[in-house]
Amino acid sequence: MAAMACALWASSASAQTLEPPPASPTAREVAERVENNFRGESGFLDATMIVKSPRLPEPRRMRFQSWDDRGGKRSFVRVLEPAKDKGTAFLKLHPNLWSYIPRVERTIRIPPSMMLQSWMGSDFTNDDLVRESSTLDDYTHRWLGVDPSHQGSRAFVIEHVPKEGAPVVWGRIAVWVDAARLVPVRQEFFDEAGEKLRVMTLSDLRAVGSRVYPHRWSMTPLDKPGHETRIEVNEIRFGEKFADDIFTQRNLTRRD
């Protein structure tokens, strides 16, 4: 099965040669370790997003903060800059997602059908930022092999395949994981027909407590030449206990 997966991968998405996967850990175990390392049970993020597009005279910059309570299946995101977008906020209380738009003072519910839509005009989706789908709960995992020298390091390559009926937006996802540090360094996203639609590279790996975390995420849509969105992490903290009032509709409309 692993050899077949490697052959299918090589023929459909990439010309590189992958080494056979190790006897252990399993692909699922690697996915679990990556998720625990990348998200933990909770995480606070302060980041700057830079959007590049041929339609923009110069890159557009936006700063936001997010609170991710993975255990409670809830998250909150608020835009801080620029001034015209300040106060825009998103609240996920699984399985519901709401957005508050301050310029019209309106809260709207975002239906599941819009999870693949652009987040704030970027190349990231609503699902990327609020994490409605779960890489562990909604996907099965299988080995594609080992990339012996991805960006100079050995990387596990694992395929995420949606479970039947799972509320996900991708047909499959291929993930490169730094084998030594168990941090994702590349993700390729495919539609249900098998077409690769976008690639995300994760770089600028830095120690954050006992883990290593990528501080630059670059998303490139393959069907939009000249487009790219980069997220640069200003601050990331893990393991904090968040106040329950963060994850409320009242907090959506709060003005600082």
Protein backbone atom coordinates (compact mmCIF):
# COMPACT_ATOMS: atom_id res chain seq x y z
CA MET A 1 0.00 0.00 0.00
CA ALA A 2 2.79 2.45 0.88
CA ALA A 3 4.58 1.70 -2.40
CA MET A 4 1.37 2.22 -4.34
CA ALA A 5 0.76 5.54 -2.57
CA CYS A 6 4.27 6.69 -3.43
CA ALA A 7 3.76 5.76 -7.09
CA LEU A 8 0.44 7.57 -7.28
CA TRP A 9 1.95 10.62 -5.64
CA ALA A 10 4.93 10.73 -7.96
CA SER A 11 2.75 10.38 -11.07
CA SER A 12 0.09 12.91 -10.08
CA ALA A 13 1.80 15.69 -8.18
CA SER A 14 5.55 15.67 -8.19
CA ALA A 15 8.55 14.19 -9.93
CA GLN A 16 10.66 13.80 -6.82
CA THR A 17 11.67 10.35 -5.59
CA LEU A 18 10.55 9.51 -2.08
CA GLU A 19 12.18 6.94 0.14
CA PRO A 20 9.99 4.25 1.73
CA PRO A 21 8.34 5.25 5.02
CA PRO A 22 9.74 4.01 8.35
CA ALA A 23 8.22 1.00 10.11
CA SER A 24 7.16 3.31 12.91
CA PRO A 25 5.64 5.69 13.83
CA THR A 26 2.43 5.37 11.82
CA ALA A 27 1.20 8.21 9.63
CA ARG A 28 -1.58 8.85 12.13
CA GLU A 29 0.90 9.08 14.99
CA VAL A 30 2.99 11.62 13.06
CA ALA A 31 -0.15 13.67 12.33
CA GLU A 32 -1.06 13.65 16.03
CA ARG A 33 2.40 14.76 17.09
CA VAL A 34 2.42 17.53 14.48
CA GLU A 35 -1.00 18.78 15.61
CA ASN A 36 0.02 18.75 19.27
CA ASN A 37 3.24 20.57 18.45
CA PHE A 38 1.71 23.10 16.05
CA ARG A 39 -1.46 23.94 17.99
CA GLY A 40 -1.30 22.42 21.46
CA GLU A 41 -4.55 22.48 23.41
CA SER A 42 -4.70 26.27 23.21
CA GLY A 43 -2.77 29.04 21.54
CA PHE A 44 -2.64 32.82 21.26
CA LEU A 45 -1.29 34.36 18.06
CA ASP A 46 -0.39 37.91 17.07
CA ALA A 47 0.54 38.12 13.40
CA THR A 48 0.86 40.37 10.36
CA MET A 49 -0.59 39.32 7.02
CA ILE A 50 0.87 40.67 3.76
CA VAL A 51 -1.25 40.22 0.61
CA LYS A 52 0.36 40.54 -2.83
CA SER A 53 -1.72 40.79 -6.00
CA PRO A 54 -1.25 42.24 -9.50
CA ARG A 55 -4.33 44.36 -8.78
CA LEU A 56 -2.67 46.06 -5.79
CA PRO A 57 -0.22 48.91 -6.35
CA GLU A 58 1.68 47.70 -3.29
CA PRO A 59 1.28 44.81 -0.83
CA ARG A 60 -1.59 45.18 1.63
CA ARG A 61 -0.72 44.66 5.29
CA MET A 62 -3.05 43.61 8.08
CA ARG A 63 -2.40 42.77 11.73
CA PHE A 64 -4.64 40.40 13.67
CA GLN A 65 -4.80 38.38 16.86
CA SER A 66 -6.36 34.97 17.40
CA TRP A 67 -7.31 32.78 20.34
CA ASP A 68 -7.52 29.07 19.54
CA ASP A 69 -9.14 26.74 22.09
CA ARG A 70 -8.61 23.44 20.33
CA GLY A 71 -10.02 21.35 23.19
CA GLY A 72 -13.23 23.39 23.30
CA LYS A 73 -13.54 23.55 19.49
CA ARG A 74 -13.78 27.32 19.59
CA SER A 75 -11.71 30.21 18.29
CA PHE A 76 -11.78 33.98 18.05
CA VAL A 77 -9.97 36.30 15.61
CA ARG A 78 -9.86 40.11 15.68
CA VAL A 79 -8.30 42.46 13.14
CA LEU A 80 -6.25 45.30 14.68
CA GLU A 81 -4.86 47.08 11.61
CA PRO A 82 -5.34 48.85 9.21
CA ALA A 83 -7.82 51.37 10.56
CA LYS A 84 -10.46 50.66 7.90
CA ASP A 85 -10.62 46.98 8.95
CA LYS A 86 -10.00 47.43 12.68
CA GLY A 87 -12.57 45.63 14.80
CA THR A 88 -13.55 43.05 12.18
CA ALA A 89 -13.89 39.83 14.16
CA PHE A 90 -14.67 36.14 13.72
CA LEU A 91 -16.05 33.73 16.29
CA LYS A 92 -16.22 29.95 15.96
CA LEU A 93 -18.33 27.94 18.36
CA HIS A 94 -18.40 24.54 16.69
CA PRO A 95 -20.20 24.05 14.36
CA ASN A 96 -21.17 27.73 13.99
CA LEU A 97 -19.12 30.65 12.68
CA TRP A 98 -19.98 34.34 12.94
CA SER A 99 -18.33 37.48 11.59
CA TYR A 100 -18.74 41.06 12.79
CA ILE A 101 -18.23 43.90 10.29
CA PRO A 102 -17.81 47.19 12.20
CA ARG A 103 -18.32 49.57 9.26
CA VAL A 104 -21.94 48.35 8.94
CA GLU A 105 -22.24 47.31 12.62
CA ARG A 106 -23.56 43.92 11.59
CA THR A 107 -22.97 40.36 12.78
CA ILE A 108 -23.51 37.64 10.20
CA ARG A 109 -23.42 33.88 10.39
CA ILE A 110 -21.04 32.28 7.89
CA PRO A 111 -22.49 29.04 6.49
CA PRO A 112 -20.33 25.93 5.95
CA SER A 113 -20.52 26.52 2.20
CA MET A 114 -18.36 29.63 2.65
CA MET A 115 -15.48 28.02 4.54
CA LEU A 116 -13.46 27.92 1.31
CA GLN A 117 -14.00 31.64 0.69
CA SER A 118 -11.12 34.10 0.98
CA TRP A 119 -10.39 35.39 4.47
CA MET A 120 -10.18 39.21 4.40
CA GLY A 121 -9.26 39.28 0.70
CA SER A 122 -6.22 37.03 1.18
CA ASP A 123 -5.20 33.66 -0.27
CA PHE A 124 -6.05 32.00 3.04
CA THR A 125 -9.59 30.71 3.58
CA ASN A 126 -12.05 31.13 6.43
CA ASP A 127 -11.29 27.54 7.38
CA ASP A 128 -7.53 28.24 7.59
CA LEU A 129 -8.01 30.98 10.16
CA VAL A 130 -10.85 29.68 12.33
CA ARG A 131 -9.89 25.98 12.02
CA GLU A 132 -13.37 24.56 11.63
CA SER A 133 -12.13 21.33 10.07
CA SER A 134 -9.80 19.09 12.07
CA THR A 135 -6.77 17.42 10.53
CA LEU A 136 -7.17 14.62 13.07
CA ASP A 137 -10.95 14.14 13.32
CA ASP A 138 -11.93 14.73 9.69
CA TYR A 139 -9.12 12.97 7.83
CA THR A 140 -7.44 9.60 7.61
CA HIS A 141 -3.66 9.59 7.20
CA ARG A 142 -1.33 7.50 5.08
CA TRP A 143 2.34 7.51 4.28
CA LEU A 144 3.58 8.76 0.93
CA GLY A 145 7.21 8.29 1.90
CA VAL A 146 10.23 10.24 3.12
CA ASP A 147 11.79 13.17 1.28
CA PRO A 148 15.51 12.77 2.07
CA SER A 149 16.39 16.43 1.50
CA HIS A 150 13.53 18.90 1.61
CA GLN A 151 15.04 22.35 2.08
CA GLY A 152 18.15 20.60 3.37
CA SER A 153 16.35 18.46 5.96
CA ARG A 154 14.79 15.03 6.04
CA ALA A 155 10.98 15.26 5.83
CA PHE A 156 8.13 12.83 6.30
CA VAL A 157 5.50 13.13 3.56
CA ILE A 158 1.98 12.22 4.64
CA GLU A 159 -1.33 12.39 2.82
CA HIS A 160 -4.53 13.53 4.55
CA VAL A 161 -7.64 11.98 2.96
CA PRO A 162 -11.10 13.19 4.05
CA LYS A 163 -13.35 10.77 5.87
CA GLU A 164 -16.68 10.11 4.20
CA GLY A 165 -19.13 12.87 5.06
CA ALA A 166 -16.51 15.00 6.82
CA PRO A 167 -17.18 18.78 6.60
CA VAL A 168 -13.91 19.60 4.80
CA VAL A 169 -13.10 21.77 1.81
CA TRP A 170 -10.21 19.81 0.22
CA GLY A 171 -10.10 16.53 -1.69
CA ARG A 172 -6.78 15.72 -0.06
CA ILE A 173 -3.76 17.44 1.48
CA ALA A 174 -0.11 16.37 1.22
CA VAL A 175 2.06 17.49 4.14
CA TRP A 176 5.85 17.60 4.48
CA VAL A 177 6.91 17.33 8.13
CA ASP A 178 10.42 18.08 9.36
CA ALA A 179 11.36 14.63 10.65
CA ALA A 180 13.60 15.82 13.47
CA ARG A 181 11.38 18.58 14.84
CA LEU A 182 7.91 17.33 13.81
CA VAL A 183 6.82 20.67 12.40
CA PRO A 184 5.03 21.08 9.05
CA VAL A 185 7.17 22.80 6.41
CA ARG A 186 5.04 22.40 3.27
CA GLN A 187 1.41 21.64 2.44
CA GLU A 188 -0.15 20.99 -0.96
CA PHE A 189 -3.93 21.23 -1.33
CA PHE A 190 -5.95 19.33 -3.95
CA ASP A 191 -9.59 19.45 -5.02
CA GLU A 192 -11.80 16.37 -5.34
CA ALA A 193 -10.69 15.88 -8.96
CA GLY A 194 -7.05 15.67 -7.87
CA GLU A 195 -5.95 19.08 -9.17
CA LYS A 196 -3.39 20.86 -7.01
CA LEU A 197 -4.80 24.32 -6.26
CA ARG A 198 -2.42 25.90 -3.77
CA VAL A 199 0.84 25.42 -1.89
CA MET A 200 1.79 26.68 1.55
CA THR A 201 5.39 26.81 2.71
CA LEU A 202 6.23 27.25 6.39
CA SER A 203 9.64 28.60 7.29
CA ASP A 204 11.61 30.73 9.76
CA LEU A 205 11.54 27.94 12.35
CA ARG A 206 12.16 29.21 15.91
CA ALA A 207 12.08 27.67 19.35
CA VAL A 208 8.96 28.51 21.36
CA GLY A 209 9.38 26.94 24.77
CA SER A 210 9.84 23.20 24.24
CA ARG A 211 8.62 23.22 20.63
CA VAL A 212 9.72 24.60 17.27
CA TYR A 213 7.26 26.82 15.42
CA PRO A 214 7.28 28.29 11.89
CA HIS A 215 7.09 32.09 12.04
CA ARG A 216 6.44 32.63 8.31
CA TRP A 217 3.60 31.01 6.34
CA SER A 218 3.44 31.69 2.60
CA MET A 219 0.32 30.69 0.65
CA THR A 220 0.47 30.59 -3.15
CA PRO A 221 -2.66 29.89 -5.23
CA LEU A 222 -1.61 28.06 -8.39
CA ASP A 223 -4.54 29.36 -10.44
CA LYS A 224 -3.80 33.05 -9.74
CA PRO A 225 -0.42 34.13 -11.16
CA GLY A 226 1.23 36.88 -9.14
CA HIS A 227 -0.85 36.25 -6.02
CA GLU A 228 0.70 35.34 -2.67
CA THR A 229 -0.23 35.87 0.96
CA ARG A 230 2.33 35.72 3.74
CA ILE A 231 1.63 35.55 7.47
CA GLU A 232 4.48 36.64 9.75
CA VAL A 233 4.13 35.66 13.38
CA ASN A 234 4.86 38.47 15.84
CA GLU A 235 4.03 36.47 18.98
CA ILE A 236 2.80 32.97 19.73
CA ARG A 237 1.95 31.47 23.13
CA PHE A 238 0.68 28.01 24.03
CA GLY A 239 -1.10 26.35 26.93
CA GLU A 240 -2.94 29.35 28.32
CA LYS A 241 -6.39 29.09 29.85
CA PHE A 242 -8.62 31.64 28.13
CA ALA A 243 -11.54 33.45 29.75
CA ASP A 244 -14.88 32.12 28.48
CA ASP A 245 -16.09 35.63 27.62
CA ILE A 246 -13.54 35.78 24.78
CA PHE A 247 -15.64 33.26 22.86
CA THR A 248 -18.95 35.13 22.89
CA GLN A 249 -21.00 37.07 20.37
CA ARG A 250 -20.81 40.04 22.74
CA ASN A 251 -17.04 40.04 22.34
CA LEU A 252 -17.49 40.26 18.55
CA THR A 253 -18.75 43.83 18.87
CA ARG A 254 -16.42 44.98 21.63
CA ARG A 255 -14.55 48.23 20.94
CA ASP A 256 -11.13 48.80 22.51
